[in-house]
Amino acid sequence: MIERVPHMILITESEKVGKIESAPVFQITDVKFVALGSLQGVQQLVLNGYVEYLTEMLKNGFFYSPSYDLTNSAQRSIKKKAGGTWTDTYDLRYVWNYPGCTELLVQSISLSWVTPVIQGYVGVREIDVKGGKGKMVLISRRRHAKAGLRYIARGVDELGNVANFVETEQMVYKEKLVSSFVQIRGSVPLFWQQSGVSNELVFTKSLTHSKDPLALHYGLSLIHIS
């Protein structure tokens, strides 16, 4: 939904970056927006501007795979239910097209109509492993909630989402064995702002007000902040 007008986004061009467990992975290089409605006058011009901006944005750093789940780490994938609903199958925190697909998904349409897309990086390389050949895979998944420019999007929101949260997973494959190492990064989960790196940091809300969002972010009960 863009400016109250439903759109279908079609991936028209992509480049193969490699295979993970025999499943091909692609980077989006071009898309097409198909409007399912229209506006009049200046409103239509504004809509066209949004579509043009989003088209260019989706050409950089967006990845998908028809048969491999890029949203889950190797460990989480073991616990997920393959072939179920989107909630059962994918980690929706990293599905960038999920917010725009909710109206379709609540109607229980086939998952084949919507391809989960992540934003970040996917790299696949053949490597030498002791005793033979192997494969290294590097996946960075960026959350769609509270994303933004590094020096503009800061801190946490009321729901516990921190700015520019990224999960990076390194996997090494050797025959039927796989090793997975995951690390995360994100903005400090407090309410704060800072312009650039040299200006003074400003807390926009008290530390006490940050208690509940901080607990939501870490998934635990906090007793005291000082």
C-alpha atoms as a PDB file:
ATOM      1  CA  MET A   1       0.000   0.000   0.000  1.00  0.00           C
ATOM      2  CA  ILE A   2       1.562   3.310  -1.138  1.00  0.00           C
ATOM      3  CA  GLU A   3      -0.408   6.494  -0.470  1.00  0.00           C
ATOM      4  CA  ARG A   4      -3.545   4.352   0.043  1.00  0.00           C
ATOM      5  CA  VAL A   5      -3.141   2.723  -3.386  1.00  0.00           C
ATOM      6  CA  PRO A   6      -2.487  -1.065  -3.409  1.00  0.00           C
ATOM      7  CA  HIS A   7       0.505  -2.152  -5.485  1.00  0.00           C
ATOM      8  CA  MET A   8       1.964  -5.435  -6.620  1.00  0.00           C
ATOM      9  CA  ILE A   9       5.762  -5.497  -6.752  1.00  0.00           C
ATOM     10  CA  LEU A  10       7.256  -7.810  -9.361  1.00  0.00           C
ATOM     11  CA  ILE A  11      10.929  -8.827  -9.429  1.00  0.00           C
ATOM     12  CA  THR A  12      11.836  -8.359 -13.090  1.00  0.00           C
ATOM     13  CA  GLU A  13      15.613  -8.815 -12.949  1.00  0.00           C
ATOM     14  CA  SER A  14      17.987 -10.523 -10.519  1.00  0.00           C
ATOM     15  CA  GLU A  15      21.505 -11.938 -10.305  1.00  0.00           C
ATOM     16  CA  LYS A  16      22.403 -15.320  -8.857  1.00  0.00           C
ATOM     17  CA  VAL A  17      24.894 -14.985  -5.993  1.00  0.00           C
ATOM     18  CA  GLY A  18      25.336 -18.699  -5.339  1.00  0.00           C
ATOM     19  CA  LYS A  19      23.716 -21.758  -3.816  1.00  0.00           C
ATOM     20  CA  ILE A  20      23.031 -22.662  -0.189  1.00  0.00           C
ATOM     21  CA  GLU A  21      22.288 -26.342   0.351  1.00  0.00           C
ATOM     22  CA  SER A  22      21.629 -26.679  -3.413  1.00  0.00           C
ATOM     23  CA  ALA A  23      19.089 -23.815  -3.300  1.00  0.00           C
ATOM     24  CA  PRO A  24      19.833 -20.795  -5.525  1.00  0.00           C
ATOM     25  CA  VAL A  25      19.999 -17.323  -3.956  1.00  0.00           C
ATOM     26  CA  PHE A  26      19.425 -14.139  -5.947  1.00  0.00           C
ATOM     27  CA  GLN A  27      20.035 -10.416  -5.536  1.00  0.00           C
ATOM     28  CA  ILE A  28      17.307  -8.144  -6.887  1.00  0.00           C
ATOM     29  CA  THR A  29      18.525  -5.801  -9.624  1.00  0.00           C
ATOM     30  CA  ASP A  30      15.218  -4.412 -10.907  1.00  0.00           C
ATOM     31  CA  VAL A  31      11.539  -4.387  -9.981  1.00  0.00           C
ATOM     32  CA  LYS A  32       8.241  -3.194 -11.406  1.00  0.00           C
ATOM     33  CA  PHE A  33       5.368  -1.690  -9.434  1.00  0.00           C
ATOM     34  CA  VAL A  34       1.902  -2.551 -10.735  1.00  0.00           C
ATOM     35  CA  ALA A  35      -0.711  -0.141  -9.335  1.00  0.00           C
ATOM     36  CA  LEU A  36      -4.093  -1.594  -8.472  1.00  0.00           C
ATOM     37  CA  GLY A  37      -5.685   1.850  -8.411  1.00  0.00           C
ATOM     38  CA  SER A  38      -4.877   5.506  -9.095  1.00  0.00           C
ATOM     39  CA  LEU A  39      -5.078   9.034  -7.738  1.00  0.00           C
ATOM     40  CA  GLN A  40      -5.706  12.397  -9.366  1.00  0.00           C
ATOM     41  CA  GLY A  41      -3.552  15.431 -10.076  1.00  0.00           C
ATOM     42  CA  VAL A  42      -0.835  16.305  -7.577  1.00  0.00           C
ATOM     43  CA  GLN A  43      -1.580  13.229  -5.468  1.00  0.00           C
ATOM     44  CA  GLN A  44      -0.728  10.994  -8.424  1.00  0.00           C
ATOM     45  CA  LEU A  45       2.526  12.888  -8.952  1.00  0.00           C
ATOM     46  CA  VAL A  46       3.427  12.327  -5.296  1.00  0.00           C
ATOM     47  CA  LEU A  47       2.586   8.642  -5.671  1.00  0.00           C
ATOM     48  CA  ASN A  48       4.793   8.375  -8.757  1.00  0.00           C
ATOM     49  CA  GLY A  49       7.657   9.927  -6.779  1.00  0.00           C
ATOM     50  CA  TYR A  50       7.331   7.335  -4.020  1.00  0.00           C
ATOM     51  CA  VAL A  51       7.239   4.498  -6.553  1.00  0.00           C
ATOM     52  CA  GLU A  52      10.352   5.818  -8.302  1.00  0.00           C
ATOM     53  CA  TYR A  53      12.219   6.112  -4.990  1.00  0.00           C
ATOM     54  CA  LEU A  54      11.225   2.610  -3.842  1.00  0.00           C
ATOM     55  CA  THR A  55      12.165   1.132  -7.215  1.00  0.00           C
ATOM     56  CA  GLU A  56      15.704   2.475  -6.903  1.00  0.00           C
ATOM     57  CA  MET A  57      15.943   1.402  -3.250  1.00  0.00           C
ATOM     58  CA  LEU A  58      14.992  -2.195  -4.026  1.00  0.00           C
ATOM     59  CA  LYS A  59      17.820  -2.486  -6.567  1.00  0.00           C
ATOM     60  CA  ASN A  60      20.458  -2.420  -3.826  1.00  0.00           C
ATOM     61  CA  GLY A  61      21.034  -5.007  -1.113  1.00  0.00           C
ATOM     62  CA  PHE A  62      17.819  -7.034  -1.351  1.00  0.00           C
ATOM     63  CA  PHE A  63      17.967 -10.828  -1.647  1.00  0.00           C
ATOM     64  CA  TYR A  64      15.614 -13.782  -2.006  1.00  0.00           C
ATOM     65  CA  SER A  65      15.613 -17.518  -2.590  1.00  0.00           C
ATOM     66  CA  PRO A  66      12.733 -19.585  -3.997  1.00  0.00           C
ATOM     67  CA  SER A  67      13.671 -22.611  -1.871  1.00  0.00           C
ATOM     68  CA  TYR A  68      15.970 -21.539   1.007  1.00  0.00           C
ATOM     69  CA  ASP A  69      14.841 -19.609   4.087  1.00  0.00           C
ATOM     70  CA  LEU A  70      17.138 -16.593   4.297  1.00  0.00           C
ATOM     71  CA  THR A  71      15.247 -15.138   7.278  1.00  0.00           C
ATOM     72  CA  ASN A  72      16.246 -17.795   9.810  1.00  0.00           C
ATOM     73  CA  SER A  73      19.607 -18.858  11.134  1.00  0.00           C
ATOM     74  CA  ALA A  74      20.549 -22.527  10.797  1.00  0.00           C
ATOM     75  CA  GLN A  75      19.591 -23.128  14.430  1.00  0.00           C
ATOM     76  CA  ARG A  76      16.190 -21.413  14.183  1.00  0.00           C
ATOM     77  CA  SER A  77      15.421 -23.248  10.937  1.00  0.00           C
ATOM     78  CA  ILE A  78      15.537 -26.586  12.790  1.00  0.00           C
ATOM     79  CA  LYS A  79      12.751 -25.399  15.102  1.00  0.00           C
ATOM     80  CA  LYS A  80      10.535 -23.907  12.369  1.00  0.00           C
ATOM     81  CA  LYS A  81       7.657 -25.721  10.676  1.00  0.00           C
ATOM     82  CA  ALA A  82       8.316 -26.010   6.952  1.00  0.00           C
ATOM     83  CA  GLY A  83       5.313 -25.502   4.696  1.00  0.00           C
ATOM     84  CA  GLY A  84       3.154 -23.778   7.331  1.00  0.00           C
ATOM     85  CA  THR A  85       2.009 -20.173   7.538  1.00  0.00           C
ATOM     86  CA  TRP A  86       4.452 -17.280   7.218  1.00  0.00           C
ATOM     87  CA  THR A  87       4.579 -17.050  11.012  1.00  0.00           C
ATOM     88  CA  ASP A  88       5.345 -20.765  11.259  1.00  0.00           C
ATOM     89  CA  THR A  89       7.950 -20.714   8.509  1.00  0.00           C
ATOM     90  CA  TYR A  90       9.825 -17.387   8.481  1.00  0.00           C
ATOM     91  CA  ASP A  91      11.322 -14.938  10.966  1.00  0.00           C
ATOM     92  CA  LEU A  92       9.091 -11.985  10.123  1.00  0.00           C
ATOM     93  CA  ARG A  93      11.506  -9.503  11.728  1.00  0.00           C
ATOM     94  CA  TYR A  94      13.704  -9.838   8.644  1.00  0.00           C
ATOM     95  CA  VAL A  95      11.052 -10.155   5.913  1.00  0.00           C
ATOM     96  CA  TRP A  96      11.114  -6.672   4.412  1.00  0.00           C
ATOM     97  CA  ASN A  97       8.001  -7.145   2.288  1.00  0.00           C
ATOM     98  CA  TYR A  98       5.939  -8.553   5.170  1.00  0.00           C
ATOM     99  CA  PRO A  99       4.384  -5.225   6.312  1.00  0.00           C
ATOM    100  CA  GLY A 100       3.056  -4.650   2.791  1.00  0.00           C
ATOM    101  CA  CYS A 101       1.682  -8.178   2.452  1.00  0.00           C
ATOM    102  CA  THR A 102      -0.342  -8.511   5.640  1.00  0.00           C
ATOM    103  CA  GLU A 103      -3.700  -7.919   3.911  1.00  0.00           C
ATOM    104  CA  LEU A 104      -2.961 -10.817   1.545  1.00  0.00           C
ATOM    105  CA  LEU A 105      -1.581 -13.151   4.183  1.00  0.00           C
ATOM    106  CA  VAL A 106      -4.579 -12.842   6.522  1.00  0.00           C
ATOM    107  CA  GLN A 107      -6.654 -14.323   3.703  1.00  0.00           C
ATOM    108  CA  SER A 108      -4.576 -17.525   3.934  1.00  0.00           C
ATOM    109  CA  ILE A 109      -3.409 -17.366   0.323  1.00  0.00           C
ATOM    110  CA  SER A 110      -0.723 -19.757  -0.881  1.00  0.00           C
ATOM    111  CA  LEU A 111       2.798 -18.790   0.188  1.00  0.00           C
ATOM    112  CA  SER A 112       3.857 -19.206  -3.440  1.00  0.00           C
ATOM    113  CA  TRP A 113       2.192 -15.853  -4.237  1.00  0.00           C
ATOM    114  CA  VAL A 114       4.641 -13.921  -2.043  1.00  0.00           C
ATOM    115  CA  THR A 115       8.425 -14.315  -1.998  1.00  0.00           C
ATOM    116  CA  PRO A 116      10.124 -13.321   1.290  1.00  0.00           C
ATOM    117  CA  VAL A 117      12.805 -10.677   0.685  1.00  0.00           C
ATOM    118  CA  ILE A 118      15.604  -9.751   3.080  1.00  0.00           C
ATOM    119  CA  GLN A 119      17.758  -6.624   3.108  1.00  0.00           C
ATOM    120  CA  GLY A 120      21.449  -6.906   3.873  1.00  0.00           C
ATOM    121  CA  TYR A 121      24.027  -9.153   2.252  1.00  0.00           C
ATOM    122  CA  VAL A 122      24.449 -12.723   1.028  1.00  0.00           C
ATOM    123  CA  GLY A 123      27.804 -14.076  -0.092  1.00  0.00           C
ATOM    124  CA  VAL A 124      28.737 -17.634  -1.073  1.00  0.00           C
ATOM    125  CA  ARG A 125      32.316 -18.780  -1.635  1.00  0.00           C
ATOM    126  CA  GLU A 126      34.069 -22.103  -2.225  1.00  0.00           C
ATOM    127  CA  ILE A 127      36.892 -22.572   0.302  1.00  0.00           C
ATOM    128  CA  ASP A 128      39.605 -25.050   1.219  1.00  0.00           C
ATOM    129  CA  VAL A 129      38.777 -26.953   4.390  1.00  0.00           C
ATOM    130  CA  LYS A 130      41.242 -29.334   6.004  1.00  0.00           C
ATOM    131  CA  GLY A 131      40.829 -32.605   4.214  1.00  0.00           C
ATOM    132  CA  GLY A 132      39.002 -31.250   1.160  1.00  0.00           C
ATOM    133  CA  LYS A 133      36.750 -28.582  -0.285  1.00  0.00           C
ATOM    134  CA  GLY A 134      33.996 -26.722   1.511  1.00  0.00           C
ATOM    135  CA  LYS A 135      31.706 -23.726   1.223  1.00  0.00           C
ATOM    136  CA  MET A 136      31.426 -20.537   3.258  1.00  0.00           C
ATOM    137  CA  VAL A 137      28.182 -18.567   3.416  1.00  0.00           C
ATOM    138  CA  LEU A 138      27.811 -15.094   4.941  1.00  0.00           C
ATOM    139  CA  ILE A 139      24.305 -13.710   5.480  1.00  0.00           C
ATOM    140  CA  SER A 140      23.461 -10.350   7.051  1.00  0.00           C
ATOM    141  CA  ARG A 141      19.786  -9.835   7.858  1.00  0.00           C
ATOM    142  CA  ARG A 142      18.580  -6.343   8.737  1.00  0.00           C
ATOM    143  CA  ARG A 143      15.304  -5.894  10.615  1.00  0.00           C
ATOM    144  CA  HIS A 144      12.685  -3.835   8.819  1.00  0.00           C
ATOM    145  CA  ALA A 145      11.473  -2.236  12.083  1.00  0.00           C
ATOM    146  CA  LYS A 146      13.162   1.116  12.879  1.00  0.00           C
ATOM    147  CA  ALA A 147      15.547   0.953   9.941  1.00  0.00           C
ATOM    148  CA  GLY A 148      17.117   4.181   8.720  1.00  0.00           C
ATOM    149  CA  LEU A 149      20.287   6.116   8.069  1.00  0.00           C
ATOM    150  CA  ARG A 150      22.943   5.294  10.644  1.00  0.00           C
ATOM    151  CA  TYR A 151      23.352   8.818  12.014  1.00  0.00           C
ATOM    152  CA  ILE A 152      19.617   9.613  11.974  1.00  0.00           C
ATOM    153  CA  ALA A 153      17.883   6.461  13.246  1.00  0.00           C
ATOM    154  CA  ARG A 154      19.014   5.963  16.833  1.00  0.00           C
ATOM    155  CA  GLY A 155      17.979   4.170  20.000  1.00  0.00           C
ATOM    156  CA  VAL A 156      14.866   2.141  20.741  1.00  0.00           C
ATOM    157  CA  ASP A 157      11.120   2.536  20.148  1.00  0.00           C
ATOM    158  CA  GLU A 158       8.203   1.719  22.464  1.00  0.00           C
ATOM    159  CA  LEU A 159       7.999  -1.839  21.088  1.00  0.00           C
ATOM    160  CA  GLY A 160      11.631  -2.658  21.859  1.00  0.00           C
ATOM    161  CA  ASN A 161      12.892  -2.329  18.281  1.00  0.00           C
ATOM    162  CA  VAL A 162      16.346  -0.753  18.044  1.00  0.00           C
ATOM    163  CA  ALA A 163      17.651   1.202  15.090  1.00  0.00           C
ATOM    164  CA  ASN A 164      19.450  -0.715  12.372  1.00  0.00           C
ATOM    165  CA  PHE A 165      19.439  -4.106  14.045  1.00  0.00           C
ATOM    166  CA  VAL A 166      21.420  -6.624  11.974  1.00  0.00           C
ATOM    167  CA  GLU A 167      21.972 -10.338  12.470  1.00  0.00           C
ATOM    168  CA  THR A 168      25.033 -11.731  10.675  1.00  0.00           C
ATOM    169  CA  GLU A 169      25.499 -15.467  10.247  1.00  0.00           C
ATOM    170  CA  GLN A 170      28.636 -17.227   9.044  1.00  0.00           C
ATOM    171  CA  MET A 171      28.152 -20.815   7.906  1.00  0.00           C
ATOM    172  CA  VAL A 172      30.818 -23.274   6.843  1.00  0.00           C
ATOM    173  CA  TYR A 173      29.760 -26.418   4.977  1.00  0.00           C
ATOM    174  CA  LYS A 174      31.897 -29.541   4.721  1.00  0.00           C
ATOM    175  CA  GLU A 175      30.147 -32.501   3.106  1.00  0.00           C
ATOM    176  CA  LYS A 176      27.086 -33.153   5.341  1.00  0.00           C
ATOM    177  CA  LEU A 177      28.366 -31.039   8.237  1.00  0.00           C
ATOM    178  CA  VAL A 178      27.581 -27.359   8.820  1.00  0.00           C
ATOM    179  CA  SER A 179      28.941 -24.908  11.378  1.00  0.00           C
ATOM    180  CA  SER A 180      26.981 -21.735  12.095  1.00  0.00           C
ATOM    181  CA  PHE A 181      28.170 -18.670  14.011  1.00  0.00           C
ATOM    182  CA  VAL A 182      25.728 -15.789  14.615  1.00  0.00           C
ATOM    183  CA  GLN A 183      26.399 -12.294  15.919  1.00  0.00           C
ATOM    184  CA  ILE A 184      24.074  -9.303  16.246  1.00  0.00           C
ATOM    185  CA  ARG A 185      24.453  -5.537  16.353  1.00  0.00           C
ATOM    186  CA  GLY A 186      22.087  -2.646  16.860  1.00  0.00           C
ATOM    187  CA  SER A 187      21.715   0.773  18.394  1.00  0.00           C
ATOM    188  CA  VAL A 188      21.865   1.106  22.200  1.00  0.00           C
ATOM    189  CA  PRO A 189      18.319   0.199  23.399  1.00  0.00           C
ATOM    190  CA  LEU A 190      17.553   3.505  25.148  1.00  0.00           C
ATOM    191  CA  PHE A 191      15.739   6.647  23.959  1.00  0.00           C
ATOM    192  CA  TRP A 192      18.515   8.873  22.623  1.00  0.00           C
ATOM    193  CA  GLN A 193      19.643  10.956  19.653  1.00  0.00           C
ATOM    194  CA  GLN A 194      22.932  12.181  18.249  1.00  0.00           C
ATOM    195  CA  SER A 195      23.701  14.096  15.083  1.00  0.00           C
ATOM    196  CA  GLY A 196      26.837  12.632  13.507  1.00  0.00           C
ATOM    197  CA  VAL A 197      29.602  11.228  15.685  1.00  0.00           C
ATOM    198  CA  SER A 198      31.141  14.373  17.204  1.00  0.00           C
ATOM    199  CA  ASN A 199      28.028  16.055  18.641  1.00  0.00           C
ATOM    200  CA  GLU A 200      26.805  15.470  22.163  1.00  0.00           C
ATOM    201  CA  LEU A 201      24.489  12.522  22.831  1.00  0.00           C
ATOM    202  CA  VAL A 202      21.021  13.546  24.062  1.00  0.00           C
ATOM    203  CA  PHE A 203      18.604  11.331  25.980  1.00  0.00           C
ATOM    204  CA  THR A 204      15.101  12.079  24.681  1.00  0.00           C
ATOM    205  CA  LYS A 205      13.340  10.210  27.494  1.00  0.00           C
ATOM    206  CA  SER A 206      14.324   9.161  30.994  1.00  0.00           C
ATOM    207  CA  LEU A 207      16.092   5.889  31.750  1.00  0.00           C
ATOM    208  CA  THR A 208      13.035   4.827  33.731  1.00  0.00           C
ATOM    209  CA  HIS A 209      10.874   5.278  30.609  1.00  0.00           C
ATOM    210  CA  SER A 210      13.299   3.003  28.747  1.00  0.00           C
ATOM    211  CA  LYS A 211      12.728   0.107  31.153  1.00  0.00           C
ATOM    212  CA  ASP A 212       9.792  -1.560  29.358  1.00  0.00           C
ATOM    213  CA  PRO A 213      11.174  -1.171  25.784  1.00  0.00           C
ATOM    214  CA  LEU A 214      14.533  -2.450  27.041  1.00  0.00           C
ATOM    215  CA  ALA A 215      12.831  -5.518  28.512  1.00  0.00           C
ATOM    216  CA  LEU A 216      10.929  -6.098  25.267  1.00  0.00           C
ATOM    217  CA  HIS A 217      14.164  -5.862  23.300  1.00  0.00           C
ATOM    218  CA  TYR A 218      16.005  -8.415  25.411  1.00  0.00           C
ATOM    219  CA  GLY A 219      12.940 -10.546  26.142  1.00  0.00           C
ATOM    220  CA  LEU A 220      13.273 -10.507  29.913  1.00  0.00           C
ATOM    221  CA  SER A 221      11.977  -8.798  33.036  1.00  0.00           C
ATOM    222  CA  LEU A 222      14.070  -5.903  34.257  1.00  0.00           C
ATOM    223  CA  ILE A 223      13.917  -5.053  37.945  1.00  0.00           C
ATOM    224  CA  HIS A 224      16.043  -1.919  38.205  1.00  0.00           C
ATOM    225  CA  ILE A 225      17.785   0.633  35.989  1.00  0.00           C
ATOM    226  CA  SER A 226      20.208   3.148  37.433  1.00  0.00           C
END
